[in-house]
Amino acid sequence: MSSNPVAETVASLMPRAKAELTELVAFKSVADFDQFPRSESEGAARWVADALAAEGFQDVALLDTPDGTQSVYGYLPGPEGAKTVLLYAHYDVQPPLDEAAWRTPPFELTERDGRWYGRGAADCKGGVIMHLLALRALKANGGIPVHVKVIAEGSEEMGTGGLERYAEEHPDLLEADTIVIGDAGNFRVGLPTVTSTLRGMTLVRVRIDTLEGNLHSGQFGGAAPDALGALIRVLDSLRAEDGSTTVDGLTGEASWEGLQYADEQFRQDAKVLDGVELIGSGTVADRIWARPAVTVLGIDCPPVVGATPSVQASARALISLRVPPGVDAAEATKLLQAHLETHTPWGARVRTEQIGQGQAFRADTGSPAYQAMADAMAVAYPGQEMQYAGQGGSIPLCNTLAALYPHAEILLIGLSEPEAQIHAVNESVSPQELERLSVAEALFLRNYAAS
């Protein structure tokens, strides 16, 4: 790869990329403004806007989206008559979770063992830097042969749909011939991969109430209905004995036909403890890319430390349900809510509330853009062929863009390979992957312009 001028330029830009990613990671840009200052997200948005302006982008704007966050837009004109490519990333990040469990501070980019650690380093502030690297490399080697639009979202991790609604209200803004979503990841480090499917998702909050107030467990326990006990039984009803997801009315028998995921490799990537079984049935690829999966994200109940001998009057939980392409997320939400209500025991009062939703996505892998990307990845990753994989996560914007621009080709690449541990503590990015994927994106833009 070093004999390629584009690759040589990207390699020379890597120190600058690290410095910029350090600045961007420093913003605590979690779009949960009850817990994190809005100013942190606004600062990150301004950083991205300034970076686009410095690269010559026109019409750079901070878009106020309906969910109260900001997305950053910019347009860089190319040669007359050229195709238009939209590059997507998001600058918002997941909360750091248990900061004490991080080996280095989550909002300070830290190099260790050949990787760069920090919240958002891979998901997806690294994606912002990837786009900048690709464009700079092309500018240094003959120019950018397409019109480029960039959109950096501010609330992707919250699933609140701000950018989706903004795009629907301004349908011309993000229109493009091809869209590159920089928020996926290679199947493993060094294996170039495009993501051809995404599971959809829904988030539902459930609350169970049984008493007017907590009661002494010695005086009333045994007859007084325990809201926490009721909630536990409801949550248990969401899984079969083998751990498969069981939501009444939702089928889960589909199979994945593409790249397979060996059990032992998955155990290693997921850091499953020795002796602990994987859950579900079918292949690992079936389970994480082609079938629904429920996860209890959190429970509101008394902590062990400081707990009193009480029968709980109320309890609540936040539940995520991922659904594969072919399953409507809105219908899955209704099925999940009905399941929770039906399986609540003892006549307890139950309330469910949908707080986030995104549809599943399936790409057209036979399009010319995919061939252009395959050729680019073959250069960026010598000796490797581009692979097709699914992703268990959701990027709700994909279906919005596919509906708005049915002619557009959509590709998903990115830095979130398994070692990145996105959404977990000690998230990191491989600088080698950042370098190679930036080269691949630059060469893709050149290939696509000529196709």
Foldseek 3Di string as FASTA:
>chain_A
DCVDLLLVQLVVCLVVLVVLLQVLLLQQQAPPCVVHPLVSLVVNLVSLLVLCVVVPWPPWDFDQFPVRHTKTKTKDAADPPFFEEEEEAASHFFHQPPQVPFPDGQSGFDDDPQWTWHTCCFRPSLSSSLQVSLQVSQCVPPHQHHIYMYMYDRHQVQQQCRVLVVCVVVVVRRDGQAYEYAGDADQAPLAAEWEFKEWKKWKKKKKWFQDPFKDQCVVCNPPRDFAVVLVVQLVVCQADPQGDGDQPPFDQDDDDDFDFDDPVNVCVLVVPDPPDDDGDDDGPQSRQAPGKHKDWPDKDDDDPVPDHNIRGRMIMTMMMIIGTPPDFFVVVVVSNVVSSVVSRPDPIDMDMDINHIAHMGGFDCVDPLNVLLQVLLCVLRPPHGYGYGHGNHDRRSVVSNCVSHVSHGYIYYTFPHSVQPGPHHGGIGRSSCSSSSSSSVSSSSVSVSVD
